[in-house]
Amino acid sequence: MNREEFLIKVKANPRPVVVDVWAPWCAPCRMIAPALQRLAEVHNGAVDVWKINADEEPELARALDVLGIPTLIVFRNGQEISRRIGAQPEAQLAELFDAARGVPPKARRDPAALDRILRLGVGTVLAGVGLSLDGAWTLILVGALVAFSAVYDRCPIWNALVPRVGELLGGKKTNLPSNGESGR
């Protein structure tokens, strides 16, 4: 299938579509598959989920500008409205389904730019002092943690692992803020 045929199929579909571009060998693709399945069941009749195997349809994946997998693309009324690349926690995947249905996104309160800069600066200074003191590992570690606190919400690995660890430890899901969405 080429891009034009795919877009005609998307436009003809009466419901919004979440397209999952994946591959069988892709561990992050396998990791999000159960969450996608649950969300597809929850939104059954309101949102369709289409899976495109990038190994079987490489031309279509290229035509859709897929640069990494998993890539999730949301189409509403035949138009792409959102795209996410990489493994995402189930809460963020649910946001894609909400976007497909036209539900406005929840407001996120991200750290202010000045707060990020200060945290990065303080963390760097602490780690630098630790290094200058011939490996004061406590200062280096504290500096690294302070610096990471400025950017953790943008780290895809952190966003993928925290909910899983929370489920394993406490049995409840943890939803941290993230900026995993890229606009198109």
N, C-alpha and C. Protein backbone atom coordinates (compact mmCIF):
# COMPACT_ATOMS: atom_id res chain seq x y z
N MET A 1 0.85 -1.17 0.00
CA MET A 1 0.00 0.00 0.00
C MET A 1 0.90 1.24 0.00
N ASN A 2 0.55 2.22 -0.82
CA ASN A 2 1.32 3.45 -0.82
C ASN A 2 0.62 4.52 0.01
N ARG A 3 1.25 5.66 0.13
CA ARG A 3 0.73 6.74 0.99
C ARG A 3 -0.66 7.20 0.55
N GLU A 4 -0.85 7.37 -0.74
CA GLU A 4 -2.13 7.86 -1.25
C GLU A 4 -3.25 6.87 -0.94
N GLU A 5 -3.00 5.59 -1.17
CA GLU A 5 -4.00 4.56 -0.85
C GLU A 5 -4.31 4.56 0.64
N PHE A 6 -3.27 4.69 1.46
CA PHE A 6 -3.46 4.71 2.90
C PHE A 6 -4.31 5.90 3.32
N LEU A 7 -3.98 7.09 2.79
CA LEU A 7 -4.73 8.29 3.17
C LEU A 7 -6.18 8.23 2.70
N ILE A 8 -6.42 7.63 1.55
CA ILE A 8 -7.80 7.44 1.08
C ILE A 8 -8.56 6.53 2.04
N LYS A 9 -7.89 5.47 2.48
CA LYS A 9 -8.50 4.54 3.44
C LYS A 9 -8.80 5.24 4.77
N VAL A 10 -7.86 6.09 5.23
CA VAL A 10 -8.06 6.83 6.48
C VAL A 10 -9.24 7.79 6.34
N LYS A 11 -9.31 8.52 5.21
CA LYS A 11 -10.40 9.48 5.01
C LYS A 11 -11.75 8.78 4.91
N ALA A 12 -11.77 7.59 4.34
CA ALA A 12 -13.02 6.85 4.18
C ALA A 12 -13.50 6.23 5.49
N ASN A 13 -12.61 6.08 6.45
CA ASN A 13 -12.97 5.45 7.72
C ASN A 13 -13.89 6.39 8.50
N PRO A 14 -15.00 5.91 9.02
CA PRO A 14 -15.93 6.80 9.72
C PRO A 14 -15.48 7.24 11.11
N ARG A 15 -14.49 6.57 11.66
CA ARG A 15 -14.02 6.90 13.01
C ARG A 15 -12.57 7.39 12.95
N PRO A 16 -12.14 8.09 14.01
CA PRO A 16 -10.72 8.44 14.09
C PRO A 16 -9.87 7.17 14.16
N VAL A 17 -8.61 7.30 13.77
CA VAL A 17 -7.72 6.15 13.70
C VAL A 17 -6.42 6.44 14.44
N VAL A 18 -6.00 5.49 15.28
CA VAL A 18 -4.67 5.51 15.88
C VAL A 18 -3.88 4.45 15.13
N VAL A 19 -2.82 4.88 14.44
CA VAL A 19 -1.99 3.96 13.66
C VAL A 19 -0.74 3.64 14.47
N ASP A 20 -0.52 2.35 14.68
CA ASP A 20 0.66 1.87 15.42
C ASP A 20 1.63 1.28 14.40
N VAL A 21 2.75 1.97 14.18
CA VAL A 21 3.79 1.45 13.29
C VAL A 21 4.78 0.73 14.19
N TRP A 22 4.95 -0.56 13.98
CA TRP A 22 5.70 -1.42 14.89
C TRP A 22 6.50 -2.44 14.08
N ALA A 23 7.26 -3.26 14.79
CA ALA A 23 7.97 -4.39 14.18
C ALA A 23 8.03 -5.50 15.23
N PRO A 24 8.03 -6.76 14.80
CA PRO A 24 8.01 -7.87 15.75
C PRO A 24 9.26 -7.94 16.64
N TRP A 25 10.39 -7.46 16.16
CA TRP A 25 11.64 -7.53 16.92
C TRP A 25 11.81 -6.37 17.88
N CYS A 26 10.90 -5.39 17.85
CA CYS A 26 11.01 -4.15 18.61
C CYS A 26 10.50 -4.35 20.03
N ALA A 27 11.41 -4.31 21.02
CA ALA A 27 11.02 -4.49 22.42
C ALA A 27 10.08 -3.40 22.91
N PRO A 28 10.33 -2.10 22.64
CA PRO A 28 9.36 -1.09 23.06
C PRO A 28 7.98 -1.29 22.43
N CYS A 29 7.94 -1.80 21.19
CA CYS A 29 6.65 -2.07 20.54
C CYS A 29 5.89 -3.15 21.32
N ARG A 30 6.61 -4.19 21.71
CA ARG A 30 5.98 -5.27 22.49
C ARG A 30 5.57 -4.77 23.87
N MET A 31 6.34 -3.83 24.41
CA MET A 31 6.06 -3.31 25.75
C MET A 31 4.73 -2.53 25.78
N ILE A 32 4.44 -1.75 24.75
CA ILE A 32 3.21 -0.95 24.76
C ILE A 32 2.01 -1.70 24.18
N ALA A 33 2.23 -2.85 23.57
CA ALA A 33 1.14 -3.58 22.91
C ALA A 33 -0.02 -3.89 23.85
N PRO A 34 0.22 -4.38 25.09
CA PRO A 34 -0.93 -4.66 25.97
C PRO A 34 -1.73 -3.40 26.31
N ALA A 35 -1.05 -2.29 26.53
CA ALA A 35 -1.75 -1.04 26.84
C ALA A 35 -2.57 -0.58 25.64
N LEU A 36 -2.01 -0.70 24.44
CA LEU A 36 -2.76 -0.33 23.24
C LEU A 36 -3.99 -1.21 23.09
N GLN A 37 -3.84 -2.50 23.37
CA GLN A 37 -4.96 -3.43 23.28
C GLN A 37 -6.07 -3.03 24.26
N ARG A 38 -5.68 -2.72 25.51
CA ARG A 38 -6.67 -2.29 26.51
C ARG A 38 -7.38 -1.02 26.06
N LEU A 39 -6.62 -0.05 25.56
CA LEU A 39 -7.22 1.21 25.13
C LEU A 39 -8.12 1.01 23.91
N ALA A 40 -7.72 0.13 23.02
CA ALA A 40 -8.56 -0.17 21.86
C ALA A 40 -9.90 -0.76 22.31
N GLU A 41 -9.87 -1.61 23.34
CA GLU A 41 -11.11 -2.19 23.87
C GLU A 41 -11.96 -1.13 24.55
N VAL A 42 -11.32 -0.24 25.32
CA VAL A 42 -12.06 0.82 26.01
C VAL A 42 -12.73 1.76 25.01
N HIS A 43 -12.04 2.06 23.91
CA HIS A 43 -12.53 3.01 22.91
C HIS A 43 -13.16 2.32 21.71
N ASN A 44 -13.52 1.04 21.87
CA ASN A 44 -14.12 0.27 20.79
C ASN A 44 -15.38 0.97 20.28
N GLY A 45 -15.44 1.17 18.97
CA GLY A 45 -16.58 1.86 18.37
C GLY A 45 -16.39 3.36 18.26
N ALA A 46 -15.43 3.91 18.99
CA ALA A 46 -15.18 5.36 18.93
C ALA A 46 -13.87 5.67 18.21
N VAL A 47 -12.88 4.79 18.37
CA VAL A 47 -11.56 4.98 17.75
C VAL A 47 -11.10 3.63 17.23
N ASP A 48 -10.60 3.61 16.01
CA ASP A 48 -10.04 2.38 15.45
C ASP A 48 -8.53 2.38 15.62
N VAL A 49 -7.96 1.19 15.82
CA VAL A 49 -6.51 1.04 15.92
C VAL A 49 -6.06 0.19 14.74
N TRP A 50 -5.14 0.75 13.95
CA TRP A 50 -4.57 0.03 12.83
C TRP A 50 -3.10 -0.21 13.13
N LYS A 51 -2.63 -1.41 12.84
CA LYS A 51 -1.23 -1.74 13.06
C LYS A 51 -0.55 -1.89 11.70
N ILE A 52 0.60 -1.26 11.58
CA ILE A 52 1.40 -1.38 10.36
C ILE A 52 2.75 -1.97 10.76
N ASN A 53 3.05 -3.14 10.25
CA ASN A 53 4.32 -3.79 10.51
C ASN A 53 5.36 -3.12 9.59
N ALA A 54 6.30 -2.41 10.17
CA ALA A 54 7.30 -1.66 9.39
C ALA A 54 8.18 -2.58 8.56
N ASP A 55 8.34 -3.84 8.99
CA ASP A 55 9.14 -4.78 8.21
C ASP A 55 8.39 -5.24 6.96
N GLU A 56 7.07 -5.37 7.06
CA GLU A 56 6.26 -5.83 5.93
C GLU A 56 5.84 -4.69 5.01
N GLU A 57 5.79 -3.48 5.53
CA GLU A 57 5.37 -2.30 4.76
C GLU A 57 6.39 -1.17 4.88
N PRO A 58 7.66 -1.41 4.50
CA PRO A 58 8.67 -0.36 4.69
C PRO A 58 8.42 0.90 3.85
N GLU A 59 7.85 0.74 2.65
CA GLU A 59 7.58 1.92 1.82
C GLU A 59 6.52 2.80 2.46
N LEU A 60 5.48 2.18 3.02
CA LEU A 60 4.44 2.96 3.68
C LEU A 60 4.99 3.64 4.92
N ALA A 61 5.81 2.94 5.69
CA ALA A 61 6.41 3.55 6.88
C ALA A 61 7.24 4.77 6.49
N ARG A 62 8.03 4.64 5.41
CA ARG A 62 8.82 5.79 4.94
C ARG A 62 7.92 6.91 4.45
N ALA A 63 6.86 6.56 3.72
CA ALA A 63 5.94 7.57 3.19
C ALA A 63 5.23 8.32 4.32
N LEU A 64 5.04 7.66 5.46
CA LEU A 64 4.41 8.30 6.61
C LEU A 64 5.43 9.03 7.49
N ASP A 65 6.65 9.13 7.02
CA ASP A 65 7.73 9.81 7.75
C ASP A 65 8.01 9.18 9.10
N VAL A 66 7.96 7.87 9.16
CA VAL A 66 8.26 7.16 10.40
C VAL A 66 9.78 7.01 10.48
N LEU A 67 10.35 7.62 11.52
CA LEU A 67 11.80 7.60 11.70
C LEU A 67 12.24 6.65 12.79
N GLY A 68 11.32 6.21 13.62
CA GLY A 68 11.63 5.28 14.70
C GLY A 68 10.36 4.54 15.09
N ILE A 69 10.55 3.39 15.70
CA ILE A 69 9.38 2.63 16.13
C ILE A 69 9.51 2.32 17.61
N PRO A 70 8.41 2.21 18.27
CA PRO A 70 7.05 2.40 17.76
C PRO A 70 6.75 3.88 17.50
N THR A 71 5.96 4.09 16.46
CA THR A 71 5.42 5.41 16.17
C THR A 71 3.91 5.28 16.16
N LEU A 72 3.25 6.16 16.90
CA LEU A 72 1.79 6.18 16.94
C LEU A 72 1.34 7.48 16.29
N ILE A 73 0.48 7.35 15.27
CA ILE A 73 -0.01 8.51 14.53
C ILE A 73 -1.52 8.54 14.67
N VAL A 74 -2.06 9.70 15.03
CA VAL A 74 -3.50 9.85 15.20
C VAL A 74 -4.07 10.63 14.02
N PHE A 75 -5.09 10.05 13.39
CA PHE A 75 -5.80 10.70 12.29
C PHE A 75 -7.24 10.94 12.70
N ARG A 76 -7.71 12.15 12.46
CA ARG A 76 -9.12 12.47 12.66
C ARG A 76 -9.59 13.22 11.43
N ASN A 77 -10.71 12.80 10.88
CA ASN A 77 -11.25 13.40 9.65
C ASN A 77 -10.22 13.34 8.52
N GLY A 78 -9.45 12.28 8.49
CA GLY A 78 -8.47 12.09 7.43
C GLY A 78 -7.19 12.89 7.58
N GLN A 79 -7.06 13.67 8.65
CA GLN A 79 -5.88 14.50 8.85
C GLN A 79 -5.08 14.02 10.06
N GLU A 80 -3.76 14.03 9.94
CA GLU A 80 -2.91 13.70 11.08
C GLU A 80 -3.00 14.83 12.09
N ILE A 81 -3.32 14.47 13.35
CA ILE A 81 -3.44 15.49 14.39
C ILE A 81 -2.40 15.33 15.49
N SER A 82 -1.79 14.16 15.58
CA SER A 82 -0.81 13.94 16.64
C SER A 82 0.09 12.77 16.26
N ARG A 83 1.28 12.78 16.87
CA ARG A 83 2.25 11.71 16.61
C ARG A 83 3.13 11.58 17.84
N ARG A 84 3.40 10.35 18.21
CA ARG A 84 4.33 10.07 19.31
C ARG A 84 5.27 8.97 18.86
N ILE A 85 6.52 9.14 19.24
CA ILE A 85 7.55 8.17 18.88
C ILE A 85 8.11 7.59 20.16
N GLY A 86 8.25 6.27 20.19
CA GLY A 86 8.83 5.61 21.36
C GLY A 86 7.76 5.09 22.30
N ALA A 87 8.22 4.29 23.24
CA ALA A 87 7.32 3.72 24.24
C ALA A 87 6.80 4.82 25.14
N GLN A 88 5.53 4.76 25.46
CA GLN A 88 4.88 5.75 26.30
C GLN A 88 4.11 5.02 27.40
N PRO A 89 3.97 5.63 28.56
CA PRO A 89 3.12 5.04 29.60
C PRO A 89 1.66 5.02 29.11
N GLU A 90 0.88 4.15 29.70
CA GLU A 90 -0.51 3.99 29.28
C GLU A 90 -1.30 5.29 29.39
N ALA A 91 -1.01 6.10 30.39
CA ALA A 91 -1.72 7.38 30.54
C ALA A 91 -1.48 8.29 29.34
N GLN A 92 -0.27 8.29 28.83
CA GLN A 92 0.03 9.12 27.65
C GLN A 92 -0.58 8.52 26.39
N LEU A 93 -0.62 7.20 26.32
CA LEU A 93 -1.29 6.57 25.19
C LEU A 93 -2.78 6.90 25.21
N ALA A 94 -3.36 6.94 26.42
CA ALA A 94 -4.78 7.29 26.55
C ALA A 94 -5.03 8.71 26.04
N GLU A 95 -4.06 9.61 26.23
CA GLU A 95 -4.20 10.97 25.72
C GLU A 95 -4.31 10.98 24.20
N LEU A 96 -3.63 10.04 23.53
CA LEU A 96 -3.74 9.95 22.07
C LEU A 96 -5.15 9.57 21.66
N PHE A 97 -5.75 8.63 22.39
CA PHE A 97 -7.11 8.22 22.08
C PHE A 97 -8.08 9.37 22.36
N ASP A 98 -7.84 10.12 23.42
CA ASP A 98 -8.67 11.29 23.71
C ASP A 98 -8.54 12.32 22.59
N ALA A 99 -7.31 12.54 22.13
CA ALA A 99 -7.08 13.49 21.04
C ALA A 99 -7.81 13.03 19.78
N ALA A 100 -7.80 11.74 19.53
CA ALA A 100 -8.50 11.20 18.36
C ALA A 100 -10.00 11.50 18.45
N ARG A 101 -10.55 11.43 19.65
CA ARG A 101 -11.97 11.69 19.86
C ARG A 101 -12.29 13.18 19.96
N GLY A 102 -11.26 14.02 20.02
CA GLY A 102 -11.48 15.46 20.09
C GLY A 102 -11.54 16.00 21.50
N VAL A 103 -11.18 15.18 22.48
CA VAL A 103 -11.16 15.64 23.87
C VAL A 103 -9.92 16.52 24.05
N PRO A 104 -10.11 17.73 24.57
CA PRO A 104 -8.94 18.62 24.74
C PRO A 104 -7.95 18.03 25.74
N PRO A 105 -6.65 18.25 25.51
CA PRO A 105 -5.64 17.70 26.43
C PRO A 105 -5.71 18.37 27.79
N LYS A 106 -5.35 17.61 28.80
CA LYS A 106 -5.28 18.15 30.15
C LYS A 106 -4.08 19.08 30.24
N ALA A 107 -4.25 20.15 30.99
CA ALA A 107 -3.16 21.11 31.15
C ALA A 107 -2.05 20.48 31.98
N ARG A 108 -0.83 20.68 31.54
CA ARG A 108 0.33 20.18 32.27
C ARG A 108 1.08 21.36 32.85
N ARG A 109 1.58 21.14 34.01
CA ARG A 109 2.38 22.19 34.64
C ARG A 109 3.83 21.71 34.65
N ASP A 110 4.56 22.15 33.66
CA ASP A 110 5.97 21.80 33.55
C ASP A 110 6.80 22.80 34.33
N PRO A 111 7.98 22.38 34.78
CA PRO A 111 8.86 23.35 35.45
C PRO A 111 9.17 24.53 34.53
N ALA A 112 9.22 25.70 35.11
CA ALA A 112 9.53 26.91 34.35
C ALA A 112 10.96 26.83 33.82
N ALA A 113 11.23 27.57 32.77
CA ALA A 113 12.56 27.55 32.15
C ALA A 113 13.63 27.98 33.16
N LEU A 114 13.36 29.00 33.95
CA LEU A 114 14.33 29.46 34.94
C LEU A 114 14.60 28.37 35.98
N ASP A 115 13.55 27.67 36.40
CA ASP A 115 13.70 26.58 37.36
C ASP A 115 14.59 25.48 36.77
N ARG A 116 14.37 25.14 35.52
CA ARG A 116 15.21 24.12 34.86
C ARG A 116 16.67 24.56 34.82
N ILE A 117 16.89 25.81 34.43
CA ILE A 117 18.25 26.32 34.31
C ILE A 117 18.95 26.31 35.67
N LEU A 118 18.23 26.76 36.70
CA LEU A 118 18.82 26.77 38.05
C LEU A 118 19.16 25.35 38.52
N ARG A 119 18.27 24.42 38.31
CA ARG A 119 18.54 23.04 38.71
C ARG A 119 19.74 22.47 37.97
N LEU A 120 19.78 22.70 36.66
CA LEU A 120 20.93 22.22 35.88
C LEU A 120 22.22 22.86 36.37
N GLY A 121 22.18 24.16 36.64
CA GLY A 121 23.38 24.86 37.10
C GLY A 121 23.85 24.37 38.46
N VAL A 122 22.93 24.26 39.40
CA VAL A 122 23.30 23.79 40.74
C VAL A 122 23.80 22.35 40.68
N GLY A 123 23.13 21.53 39.90
CA GLY A 123 23.57 20.14 39.77
C GLY A 123 24.96 20.03 39.17
N THR A 124 25.22 20.84 38.16
CA THR A 124 26.53 20.83 37.52
C THR A 124 27.61 21.31 38.49
N VAL A 125 27.32 22.36 39.24
CA VAL A 125 28.30 22.88 40.22
C VAL A 125 28.58 21.83 41.29
N LEU A 126 27.54 21.19 41.82
CA LEU A 126 27.75 20.16 42.85
C LEU A 126 28.59 19.00 42.31
N ALA A 127 28.26 18.55 41.12
CA ALA A 127 29.03 17.45 40.53
C ALA A 127 30.47 17.90 40.26
N GLY A 128 30.65 19.13 39.81
CA GLY A 128 32.00 19.65 39.56
C GLY A 128 32.83 19.73 40.83
N VAL A 129 32.20 20.19 41.91
CA VAL A 129 32.91 20.25 43.20
C VAL A 129 33.28 18.84 43.64
N GLY A 130 32.36 17.92 43.48
CA GLY A 130 32.64 16.53 43.83
C GLY A 130 33.80 15.96 43.04
N LEU A 131 33.87 16.27 41.77
CA LEU A 131 34.97 15.80 40.94
C LEU A 131 36.29 16.46 41.34
N SER A 132 36.23 17.74 41.69
CA SER A 132 37.47 18.43 42.06
C SER A 132 38.01 17.96 43.41
N LEU A 133 37.16 17.37 44.22
CA LEU A 133 37.60 16.85 45.52
C LEU A 133 38.01 15.38 45.41
N ASP A 134 38.59 15.02 44.30
CA ASP A 134 39.07 13.66 44.06
C ASP A 134 37.98 12.61 44.26
N GLY A 135 36.86 12.85 43.64
CA GLY A 135 35.82 11.84 43.64
C GLY A 135 34.98 11.78 44.89
N ALA A 136 34.50 12.91 45.35
CA ALA A 136 33.54 12.93 46.46
C ALA A 136 32.21 12.45 45.87
N TRP A 137 32.02 11.15 45.87
CA TRP A 137 30.92 10.52 45.15
C TRP A 137 29.55 10.98 45.63
N THR A 138 29.45 11.34 46.87
CA THR A 138 28.16 11.82 47.37
C THR A 138 27.77 13.12 46.68
N LEU A 139 28.72 14.05 46.56
CA LEU A 139 28.43 15.31 45.88
C LEU A 139 28.15 15.10 44.39
N ILE A 140 28.91 14.19 43.80
CA ILE A 140 28.69 13.91 42.37
C ILE A 140 27.29 13.34 42.16
N LEU A 141 26.90 12.41 43.02
CA LEU A 141 25.57 11.79 42.90
C LEU A 141 24.46 12.81 43.15
N VAL A 142 24.61 13.61 44.20
CA VAL A 142 23.59 14.64 44.48
C VAL A 142 23.51 15.62 43.32
N GLY A 143 24.64 16.03 42.79
CA GLY A 143 24.65 16.94 41.65
C GLY A 143 23.95 16.34 40.44
N ALA A 144 24.22 15.07 40.18
CA ALA A 144 23.57 14.40 39.05
C ALA A 144 22.06 14.33 39.27
N LEU A 145 21.63 14.02 40.49
CA LEU A 145 20.19 13.95 40.77
C LEU A 145 19.51 15.31 40.65
N VAL A 146 20.16 16.35 41.13
CA VAL A 146 19.60 17.70 41.02
C VAL A 146 19.49 18.09 39.54
N ALA A 147 20.53 17.81 38.76
CA ALA A 147 20.49 18.13 37.33
C ALA A 147 19.40 17.31 36.63
N PHE A 148 19.28 16.04 36.98
CA PHE A 148 18.26 15.19 36.35
C PHE A 148 16.85 15.68 36.70
N SER A 149 16.67 16.25 37.89
CA SER A 149 15.35 16.74 38.28
C SER A 149 14.87 17.87 37.37
N ALA A 150 15.78 18.49 36.63
CA ALA A 150 15.42 19.55 35.71
C ALA A 150 14.88 19.01 34.38
N VAL A 151 15.21 17.77 34.07
CA VAL A 151 14.85 17.24 32.75
C VAL A 151 14.13 15.90 32.79
N TYR A 152 13.84 15.36 33.96
CA TYR A 152 13.27 14.01 34.04
C TYR A 152 11.97 13.88 33.26
N ASP A 153 11.16 14.92 33.23
CA ASP A 153 9.87 14.83 32.57
C ASP A 153 10.00 14.75 31.05
N ARG A 154 11.18 14.98 30.53
CA ARG A 154 11.40 14.89 29.09
C ARG A 154 12.17 13.63 28.70
N CYS A 155 12.47 12.78 29.68
CA CYS A 155 13.26 11.58 29.43
C CYS A 155 12.34 10.42 29.08
N PRO A 156 12.40 9.89 27.84
CA PRO A 156 11.49 8.81 27.46
C PRO A 156 11.72 7.52 28.25
N ILE A 157 12.95 7.26 28.63
CA ILE A 157 13.22 6.05 29.41
C ILE A 157 12.57 6.17 30.78
N TRP A 158 12.73 7.32 31.43
CA TRP A 158 12.11 7.57 32.73
C TRP A 158 10.58 7.43 32.61
N ASN A 159 9.99 8.04 31.59
CA ASN A 159 8.54 8.00 31.42
C ASN A 159 8.03 6.60 31.13
N ALA A 160 8.83 5.76 30.55
CA ALA A 160 8.41 4.39 30.28
C ALA A 160 8.58 3.50 31.51
N LEU A 161 9.61 3.74 32.30
CA LEU A 161 9.91 2.85 33.43
C LEU A 161 9.12 3.16 34.70
N VAL A 162 8.89 4.42 35.00
CA VAL A 162 8.27 4.79 36.27
C VAL A 162 6.90 4.13 36.47
N PRO A 163 6.01 4.14 35.49
CA PRO A 163 4.72 3.48 35.73
C PRO A 163 4.87 1.98 35.97
N ARG A 164 5.78 1.35 35.27
CA ARG A 164 5.98 -0.09 35.45
C ARG A 164 6.53 -0.39 36.84
N VAL A 165 7.50 0.38 37.30
CA VAL A 165 8.07 0.18 38.63
C VAL A 165 7.00 0.44 39.69
N GLY A 166 6.20 1.48 39.49
CA GLY A 166 5.12 1.78 40.42
C GLY A 166 4.12 0.64 40.52
N GLU A 167 3.79 0.04 39.38
CA GLU A 167 2.87 -1.09 39.38
C GLU A 167 3.47 -2.29 40.11
N LEU A 168 4.77 -2.52 39.89
CA LEU A 168 5.43 -3.65 40.54
C LEU A 168 5.53 -3.46 42.04
N LEU A 169 5.84 -2.25 42.47
CA LEU A 169 6.05 -2.00 43.89
C LEU A 169 4.76 -1.80 44.67
N GLY A 170 3.86 -1.01 44.11
CA GLY A 170 2.68 -0.67 44.89
C GLY A 170 1.38 -1.14 44.30
N GLY A 171 1.43 -1.67 43.10
CA GLY A 171 0.22 -2.15 42.48
C GLY A 171 -0.65 -1.05 41.88
N LYS A 172 -0.22 0.22 41.99
CA LYS A 172 -1.01 1.27 41.37
C LYS A 172 -0.16 2.01 40.36
N LYS A 173 -0.83 2.58 39.39
CA LYS A 173 -0.13 3.26 38.31
C LYS A 173 0.31 4.64 38.74
N THR A 174 1.49 5.00 38.30
CA THR A 174 2.05 6.31 38.58
C THR A 174 2.08 7.10 37.29
N ASN A 175 1.50 8.28 37.30
CA ASN A 175 1.50 9.10 36.09
C ASN A 175 2.30 10.35 36.36
N LEU A 176 3.45 10.44 35.73
CA LEU A 176 4.28 11.63 35.85
C LEU A 176 4.09 12.49 34.62
N PRO A 177 4.27 13.80 34.75
CA PRO A 177 4.14 14.65 33.57
C PRO A 177 5.23 14.35 32.57
N SER A 178 4.89 14.51 31.31
CA SER A 178 5.86 14.25 30.26
C SER A 178 5.56 15.11 29.07
N ASN A 179 6.56 15.37 28.29
CA ASN A 179 6.39 16.10 27.04
C ASN A 179 6.75 15.20 25.88
N GLY A 180 6.18 14.01 25.82
CA GLY A 180 6.54 13.05 24.80
C GLY A 180 5.87 13.29 23.46
N GLU A 181 5.03 14.32 23.35
CA GLU A 181 4.31 14.51 22.09
C GLU A 181 5.06 15.46 21.20
N SER A 182 5.13 15.12 19.96
CA SER A 182 5.72 16.03 19.00
C SER A 182 4.63 16.48 18.05
N GLY A 183 4.53 17.75 17.84
CA GLY A 183 3.48 18.28 16.99
C GLY A 183 3.82 18.17 15.52
N ARG A 184 2.77 18.05 14.74
CA ARG A 184 2.96 18.02 13.30
C ARG A 184 1.94 18.89 12.65
